[in-house]
Amino acid sequence: MDSVTPARRSEIMGRVRSRHTKPEMTIRRMVHAMGYRYRLHAKDFPGKPDLVFRARKKVVFVHGCFWHRHAGCALARLPKSRQEFWLPKLEANRQRDMKNESALRDAGWDVLTIWECELSDIARLKTRIWGFLDA
């Protein structure tokens, strides 16, 4: 049973953003400080990647572990209520992500997915981003 009313739950879920989230803003600041320049949420790309490096033919997605079903992550746990709603919804997100990533790779783009839980180790994440963008 949900601990809040349906109206309150709807209000809470309505505030969840798809762009300019805290994890995304952290990555954007970090990448900019590293000296890289990028475009945001390119509408002409499958999945509208969070960061697009056109000259390098590389894109970066910043995914929330819950919404995009990060395998093996504690943040990707399923809600206990209304699983008949959440399971198909979250699985559809995961399938759509795989389809978009495949379409980008088929078009010759390199794709990096950064998970929300990876923000706990900034030094490691910087190394990973540097390796991806300079490869």
N, C-alpha and C. Protein backbone atom coordinates (compact mmCIF):
# COMPACT_ATOMS: atom_id res chain seq x y z
N MET A 1 0.85 -1.18 0.00
CA MET A 1 0.00 0.00 0.00
C MET A 1 0.89 1.24 0.00
N ASP A 2 0.52 2.20 -0.82
CA ASP A 2 1.26 3.45 -0.90
C ASP A 2 0.98 4.28 0.34
N SER A 3 1.99 4.97 0.83
CA SER A 3 1.86 5.75 2.06
C SER A 3 1.32 7.17 1.83
N VAL A 4 1.14 7.55 0.57
CA VAL A 4 0.58 8.88 0.27
C VAL A 4 -0.66 8.71 -0.60
N THR A 5 -1.46 9.76 -0.66
CA THR A 5 -2.69 9.70 -1.45
C THR A 5 -2.35 9.67 -2.94
N PRO A 6 -3.25 9.15 -3.76
CA PRO A 6 -2.99 9.15 -5.21
C PRO A 6 -2.74 10.54 -5.78
N ALA A 7 -3.42 11.55 -5.28
CA ALA A 7 -3.21 12.91 -5.77
C ALA A 7 -1.80 13.40 -5.42
N ARG A 8 -1.37 13.11 -4.20
CA ARG A 8 -0.02 13.52 -3.78
C ARG A 8 1.04 12.76 -4.58
N ARG A 9 0.82 11.46 -4.79
CA ARG A 9 1.75 10.66 -5.58
C ARG A 9 1.86 11.22 -7.00
N SER A 10 0.73 11.59 -7.59
CA SER A 10 0.73 12.17 -8.93
C SER A 10 1.52 13.47 -8.95
N GLU A 11 1.37 14.28 -7.92
CA GLU A 11 2.10 15.54 -7.84
C GLU A 11 3.61 15.29 -7.73
N ILE A 12 3.98 14.33 -6.89
CA ILE A 12 5.40 13.98 -6.72
C ILE A 12 5.99 13.50 -8.03
N MET A 13 5.31 12.58 -8.69
CA MET A 13 5.83 12.01 -9.93
C MET A 13 5.84 13.04 -11.06
N GLY A 14 4.93 13.99 -11.02
CA GLY A 14 4.90 15.04 -12.03
C GLY A 14 6.09 15.98 -11.96
N ARG A 15 6.76 15.99 -10.81
CA ARG A 15 7.93 16.85 -10.63
C ARG A 15 9.24 16.20 -11.09
N VAL A 16 9.19 14.93 -11.44
CA VAL A 16 10.39 14.24 -11.89
C VAL A 16 10.75 14.76 -13.28
N ARG A 17 11.97 15.26 -13.41
CA ARG A 17 12.39 15.87 -14.66
C ARG A 17 13.12 14.86 -15.54
N SER A 18 13.09 15.10 -16.83
CA SER A 18 13.83 14.23 -17.75
C SER A 18 15.12 14.91 -18.22
N ARG A 19 15.18 16.22 -18.09
CA ARG A 19 16.39 16.97 -18.49
C ARG A 19 16.83 17.86 -17.34
N HIS A 20 18.11 18.21 -17.37
CA HIS A 20 18.69 19.12 -16.37
C HIS A 20 18.56 18.57 -14.95
N THR A 21 18.71 17.27 -14.81
CA THR A 21 18.66 16.63 -13.49
C THR A 21 19.97 16.88 -12.76
N LYS A 22 20.01 16.61 -11.46
CA LYS A 22 21.24 16.80 -10.69
C LYS A 22 22.40 15.97 -11.26
N PRO A 23 22.19 14.67 -11.54
CA PRO A 23 23.31 13.90 -12.11
C PRO A 23 23.78 14.48 -13.44
N GLU A 24 22.85 14.88 -14.28
CA GLU A 24 23.22 15.44 -15.58
C GLU A 24 23.99 16.75 -15.40
N MET A 25 23.54 17.60 -14.52
CA MET A 25 24.23 18.87 -14.30
C MET A 25 25.64 18.65 -13.75
N THR A 26 25.80 17.67 -12.89
CA THR A 26 27.13 17.34 -12.36
C THR A 26 28.06 16.93 -13.48
N ILE A 27 27.59 16.06 -14.37
CA ILE A 27 28.40 15.60 -15.50
C ILE A 27 28.70 16.76 -16.43
N ARG A 28 27.72 17.60 -16.71
CA ARG A 28 27.94 18.73 -17.61
C ARG A 28 29.01 19.67 -17.07
N ARG A 29 28.94 19.98 -15.78
CA ARG A 29 29.96 20.85 -15.18
C ARG A 29 31.33 20.21 -15.25
N MET A 30 31.40 18.92 -14.97
CA MET A 30 32.67 18.21 -14.98
C MET A 30 33.28 18.19 -16.38
N VAL A 31 32.48 17.85 -17.38
CA VAL A 31 32.98 17.77 -18.75
C VAL A 31 33.41 19.14 -19.25
N HIS A 32 32.66 20.16 -18.92
CA HIS A 32 33.02 21.52 -19.31
C HIS A 32 34.33 21.94 -18.66
N ALA A 33 34.49 21.63 -17.38
CA ALA A 33 35.73 21.97 -16.66
C ALA A 33 36.93 21.21 -17.23
N MET A 34 36.68 20.05 -17.83
CA MET A 34 37.75 19.27 -18.45
C MET A 34 38.15 19.85 -19.81
N GLY A 35 37.41 20.86 -20.27
CA GLY A 35 37.76 21.54 -21.51
C GLY A 35 36.99 21.10 -22.73
N TYR A 36 36.02 20.21 -22.57
CA TYR A 36 35.23 19.74 -23.71
C TYR A 36 33.99 20.61 -23.88
N ARG A 37 33.59 20.78 -25.13
CA ARG A 37 32.38 21.54 -25.43
C ARG A 37 31.40 20.60 -26.13
N TYR A 38 30.12 20.81 -25.90
CA TYR A 38 29.11 19.87 -26.34
C TYR A 38 27.80 20.58 -26.62
N ARG A 39 26.89 19.86 -27.22
CA ARG A 39 25.52 20.33 -27.42
C ARG A 39 24.62 19.48 -26.53
N LEU A 40 23.48 20.06 -26.14
CA LEU A 40 22.57 19.38 -25.23
C LEU A 40 21.35 18.83 -25.95
N HIS A 41 20.94 17.64 -25.57
CA HIS A 41 19.65 17.05 -25.94
C HIS A 41 19.31 17.22 -27.42
N ALA A 42 20.20 16.80 -28.29
CA ALA A 42 20.00 16.96 -29.74
C ALA A 42 18.74 16.22 -30.17
N LYS A 43 17.79 16.95 -30.68
CA LYS A 43 16.50 16.36 -31.06
C LYS A 43 16.58 15.49 -32.31
N ASP A 44 17.65 15.66 -33.09
CA ASP A 44 17.77 14.88 -34.32
C ASP A 44 18.49 13.55 -34.10
N PHE A 45 18.71 13.16 -32.85
CA PHE A 45 19.36 11.90 -32.51
C PHE A 45 18.38 10.98 -31.80
N PRO A 46 18.49 9.67 -32.04
CA PRO A 46 17.62 8.75 -31.29
C PRO A 46 17.87 8.87 -29.80
N GLY A 47 16.82 9.05 -29.03
CA GLY A 47 16.92 9.13 -27.59
C GLY A 47 17.34 10.48 -27.05
N LYS A 48 17.58 11.46 -27.90
CA LYS A 48 18.01 12.80 -27.48
C LYS A 48 19.11 12.73 -26.42
N PRO A 49 20.31 12.34 -26.80
CA PRO A 49 21.40 12.20 -25.83
C PRO A 49 21.61 13.47 -25.00
N ASP A 50 22.04 13.28 -23.77
CA ASP A 50 22.24 14.42 -22.88
C ASP A 50 23.37 15.32 -23.35
N LEU A 51 24.46 14.74 -23.82
CA LEU A 51 25.60 15.51 -24.34
C LEU A 51 25.98 14.95 -25.71
N VAL A 52 26.17 15.84 -26.67
CA VAL A 52 26.53 15.43 -28.02
C VAL A 52 27.82 16.15 -28.42
N PHE A 53 28.80 15.37 -28.85
CA PHE A 53 30.08 15.88 -29.32
C PHE A 53 30.14 15.57 -30.81
N ARG A 54 29.57 16.43 -31.63
CA ARG A 54 29.43 16.15 -33.06
C ARG A 54 30.76 15.93 -33.76
N ALA A 55 31.74 16.76 -33.48
CA ALA A 55 33.03 16.63 -34.17
C ALA A 55 33.71 15.30 -33.84
N ARG A 56 33.45 14.77 -32.67
CA ARG A 56 34.06 13.51 -32.25
C ARG A 56 33.18 12.31 -32.57
N LYS A 57 31.92 12.56 -32.99
CA LYS A 57 30.93 11.51 -33.24
C LYS A 57 30.73 10.65 -32.00
N LYS A 58 30.51 11.36 -30.88
CA LYS A 58 30.30 10.68 -29.61
C LYS A 58 29.13 11.33 -28.88
N VAL A 59 28.39 10.49 -28.15
CA VAL A 59 27.27 10.98 -27.34
C VAL A 59 27.35 10.38 -25.95
N VAL A 60 26.79 11.10 -24.99
CA VAL A 60 26.76 10.64 -23.61
C VAL A 60 25.32 10.70 -23.11
N PHE A 61 24.88 9.61 -22.51
CA PHE A 61 23.60 9.56 -21.82
C PHE A 61 23.89 9.52 -20.33
N VAL A 62 23.15 10.30 -19.54
CA VAL A 62 23.23 10.25 -18.09
C VAL A 62 21.91 9.67 -17.61
N HIS A 63 21.96 8.43 -17.12
CA HIS A 63 20.75 7.71 -16.74
C HIS A 63 20.58 7.60 -15.24
N GLY A 64 19.34 7.78 -14.80
CA GLY A 64 18.99 7.49 -13.42
C GLY A 64 18.84 5.99 -13.27
N CYS A 65 19.40 5.44 -12.23
CA CYS A 65 19.41 3.99 -12.04
C CYS A 65 17.99 3.42 -11.92
N PHE A 66 17.10 4.12 -11.25
CA PHE A 66 15.73 3.64 -11.08
C PHE A 66 14.98 3.64 -12.41
N TRP A 67 14.98 4.76 -13.09
CA TRP A 67 14.16 4.92 -14.30
C TRP A 67 14.66 4.09 -15.47
N HIS A 68 15.95 3.82 -15.52
CA HIS A 68 16.51 3.11 -16.67
C HIS A 68 16.98 1.70 -16.31
N ARG A 69 16.65 1.24 -15.10
CA ARG A 69 16.87 -0.15 -14.68
C ARG A 69 18.33 -0.57 -14.75
N HIS A 70 19.19 0.09 -14.00
CA HIS A 70 20.60 -0.26 -13.95
C HIS A 70 20.74 -1.63 -13.28
N ALA A 71 21.20 -2.60 -14.04
CA ALA A 71 21.29 -3.98 -13.58
C ALA A 71 22.24 -4.09 -12.38
N GLY A 72 21.79 -4.75 -11.34
CA GLY A 72 22.61 -4.99 -10.17
C GLY A 72 22.79 -3.80 -9.24
N CYS A 73 22.10 -2.72 -9.48
CA CYS A 73 22.26 -1.50 -8.68
C CYS A 73 21.16 -1.43 -7.61
N ALA A 74 21.55 -1.05 -6.41
CA ALA A 74 20.59 -0.92 -5.31
C ALA A 74 19.58 0.20 -5.57
N LEU A 75 19.96 1.18 -6.35
CA LEU A 75 19.05 2.30 -6.66
C LEU A 75 17.97 1.91 -7.66
N ALA A 76 18.11 0.75 -8.28
CA ALA A 76 17.16 0.31 -9.31
C ALA A 76 16.10 -0.63 -8.75
N ARG A 77 15.86 -0.57 -7.47
CA ARG A 77 14.88 -1.47 -6.87
C ARG A 77 13.48 -1.14 -7.37
N LEU A 78 12.63 -2.14 -7.38
CA LEU A 78 11.25 -1.97 -7.82
C LEU A 78 10.38 -1.47 -6.67
N PRO A 79 9.43 -0.61 -6.96
CA PRO A 79 8.48 -0.21 -5.92
C PRO A 79 7.67 -1.42 -5.46
N LYS A 80 7.25 -1.42 -4.22
CA LYS A 80 6.49 -2.54 -3.68
C LYS A 80 5.02 -2.47 -4.07
N SER A 81 4.54 -1.28 -4.35
CA SER A 81 3.13 -1.15 -4.73
C SER A 81 3.01 -0.99 -6.24
N ARG A 82 1.87 -1.41 -6.76
CA ARG A 82 1.52 -1.26 -8.18
C ARG A 82 2.58 -1.81 -9.13
N GLN A 83 3.09 -2.98 -8.85
CA GLN A 83 4.10 -3.58 -9.71
C GLN A 83 3.57 -3.88 -11.10
N GLU A 84 2.28 -4.10 -11.22
CA GLU A 84 1.69 -4.34 -12.54
C GLU A 84 1.82 -3.10 -13.43
N PHE A 85 1.95 -1.94 -12.84
CA PHE A 85 2.18 -0.70 -13.57
C PHE A 85 3.67 -0.48 -13.81
N TRP A 86 4.48 -0.62 -12.74
CA TRP A 86 5.89 -0.27 -12.80
C TRP A 86 6.73 -1.21 -13.65
N LEU A 87 6.49 -2.49 -13.55
CA LEU A 87 7.33 -3.44 -14.31
C LEU A 87 7.30 -3.17 -15.81
N PRO A 88 6.13 -3.10 -16.44
CA PRO A 88 6.13 -2.82 -17.89
C PRO A 88 6.69 -1.45 -18.24
N LYS A 89 6.40 -0.45 -17.40
CA LYS A 89 6.87 0.91 -17.68
C LYS A 89 8.39 0.98 -17.66
N LEU A 90 8.99 0.46 -16.62
CA LEU A 90 10.45 0.52 -16.49
C LEU A 90 11.14 -0.38 -17.50
N GLU A 91 10.54 -1.51 -17.80
CA GLU A 91 11.13 -2.40 -18.82
C GLU A 91 11.06 -1.75 -20.19
N ALA A 92 9.98 -1.02 -20.47
CA ALA A 92 9.87 -0.30 -21.75
C ALA A 92 10.96 0.76 -21.86
N ASN A 93 11.26 1.45 -20.75
CA ASN A 93 12.35 2.43 -20.74
C ASN A 93 13.67 1.75 -21.11
N ARG A 94 13.93 0.60 -20.48
CA ARG A 94 15.18 -0.12 -20.74
C ARG A 94 15.27 -0.57 -22.19
N GLN A 95 14.18 -1.09 -22.72
CA GLN A 95 14.16 -1.54 -24.12
C GLN A 95 14.38 -0.37 -25.07
N ARG A 96 13.74 0.76 -24.79
CA ARG A 96 13.89 1.95 -25.63
C ARG A 96 15.34 2.44 -25.60
N ASP A 97 15.96 2.41 -24.43
CA ASP A 97 17.37 2.81 -24.32
C ASP A 97 18.25 1.93 -25.20
N MET A 98 18.02 0.62 -25.15
CA MET A 98 18.83 -0.31 -25.96
C MET A 98 18.62 -0.06 -27.45
N LYS A 99 17.39 0.21 -27.84
CA LYS A 99 17.08 0.48 -29.25
C LYS A 99 17.76 1.78 -29.71
N ASN A 100 17.70 2.82 -28.89
CA ASN A 100 18.33 4.09 -29.25
C ASN A 100 19.84 3.96 -29.33
N GLU A 101 20.43 3.26 -28.39
CA GLU A 101 21.88 3.07 -28.41
C GLU A 101 22.30 2.28 -29.64
N SER A 102 21.54 1.27 -29.98
CA SER A 102 21.85 0.47 -31.17
C SER A 102 21.75 1.33 -32.44
N ALA A 103 20.73 2.16 -32.52
CA ALA A 103 20.55 3.03 -33.70
C ALA A 103 21.72 4.01 -33.82
N LEU A 104 22.17 4.55 -32.71
CA LEU A 104 23.31 5.48 -32.74
C LEU A 104 24.58 4.76 -33.18
N ARG A 105 24.82 3.58 -32.63
CA ARG A 105 26.02 2.82 -33.00
C ARG A 105 25.98 2.43 -34.49
N ASP A 106 24.80 2.05 -34.97
CA ASP A 106 24.66 1.70 -36.39
C ASP A 106 24.93 2.90 -37.30
N ALA A 107 24.68 4.09 -36.79
CA ALA A 107 24.92 5.32 -37.55
C ALA A 107 26.37 5.79 -37.43
N GLY A 108 27.19 5.02 -36.70
CA GLY A 108 28.61 5.35 -36.60
C GLY A 108 29.00 6.20 -35.40
N TRP A 109 28.11 6.31 -34.42
CA TRP A 109 28.39 7.12 -33.23
C TRP A 109 28.83 6.22 -32.09
N ASP A 110 29.75 6.73 -31.28
CA ASP A 110 30.15 6.04 -30.05
C ASP A 110 29.24 6.54 -28.93
N VAL A 111 28.84 5.62 -28.05
CA VAL A 111 27.88 5.94 -27.00
C VAL A 111 28.47 5.59 -25.63
N LEU A 112 28.36 6.52 -24.69
CA LEU A 112 28.74 6.28 -23.31
C LEU A 112 27.52 6.52 -22.43
N THR A 113 27.21 5.55 -21.59
CA THR A 113 26.12 5.70 -20.63
C THR A 113 26.73 5.85 -19.25
N ILE A 114 26.38 6.93 -18.59
CA ILE A 114 26.83 7.18 -17.22
C ILE A 114 25.62 6.99 -16.31
N TRP A 115 25.80 6.15 -15.30
CA TRP A 115 24.72 5.85 -14.37
C TRP A 115 24.81 6.76 -13.15
N GLU A 116 23.68 7.09 -12.61
CA GLU A 116 23.57 7.95 -11.44
C GLU A 116 24.47 7.47 -10.29
N CYS A 117 24.55 6.18 -10.06
CA CYS A 117 25.34 5.65 -8.95
C CYS A 117 26.84 5.84 -9.16
N GLU A 118 27.27 6.06 -10.39
CA GLU A 118 28.69 6.25 -10.68
C GLU A 118 29.21 7.61 -10.20
N LEU A 119 28.31 8.50 -9.87
CA LEU A 119 28.71 9.83 -9.41
C LEU A 119 29.37 9.80 -8.04
N SER A 120 29.33 8.67 -7.38
CA SER A 120 29.95 8.58 -6.06
C SER A 120 31.47 8.55 -6.14
N ASP A 121 32.03 8.21 -7.32
CA ASP A 121 33.48 8.17 -7.50
C ASP A 121 33.86 9.09 -8.67
N ILE A 122 33.98 10.38 -8.39
CA ILE A 122 34.21 11.39 -9.42
C ILE A 122 35.54 11.19 -10.14
N ALA A 123 36.59 10.83 -9.42
CA ALA A 123 37.91 10.65 -10.04
C ALA A 123 37.86 9.52 -11.07
N ARG A 124 37.23 8.44 -10.71
CA ARG A 124 37.11 7.31 -11.65
C ARG A 124 36.25 7.69 -12.86
N LEU A 125 35.20 8.44 -12.60
CA LEU A 125 34.30 8.88 -13.67
C LEU A 125 35.02 9.81 -14.64
N LYS A 126 35.84 10.73 -14.12
CA LYS A 126 36.61 11.63 -14.99
C LYS A 126 37.53 10.83 -15.90
N THR A 127 38.21 9.84 -15.34
CA THR A 127 39.10 8.99 -16.13
C THR A 127 38.32 8.27 -17.23
N ARG A 128 37.16 7.77 -16.87
CA ARG A 128 36.31 7.07 -17.85
C ARG A 128 35.87 8.01 -18.97
N ILE A 129 35.46 9.21 -18.63
CA ILE A 129 35.01 10.18 -19.64
C ILE A 129 36.19 10.60 -20.52
N TRP A 130 37.33 10.87 -19.92
CA TRP A 130 38.51 11.24 -20.69
C TRP A 130 38.87 10.13 -21.68
N GLY A 131 38.88 8.91 -21.21
CA GLY A 131 39.18 7.79 -22.08
C GLY A 131 38.21 7.66 -23.24
N PHE A 132 36.94 7.91 -22.95
CA PHE A 132 35.92 7.83 -23.99
C PHE A 132 36.06 8.94 -25.01
N LEU A 133 36.22 10.18 -24.55
CA LEU A 133 36.25 11.32 -25.47
C LEU A 133 37.56 11.44 -26.24
N ASP A 134 38.65 10.99 -25.68
CA ASP A 134 39.94 11.10 -26.36
C ASP A 134 40.32 9.87 -27.18
N ALA A 135 39.52 8.84 -27.12
CA ALA A 135 39.83 7.61 -27.88
C ALA A 135 39.60 7.79 -29.36
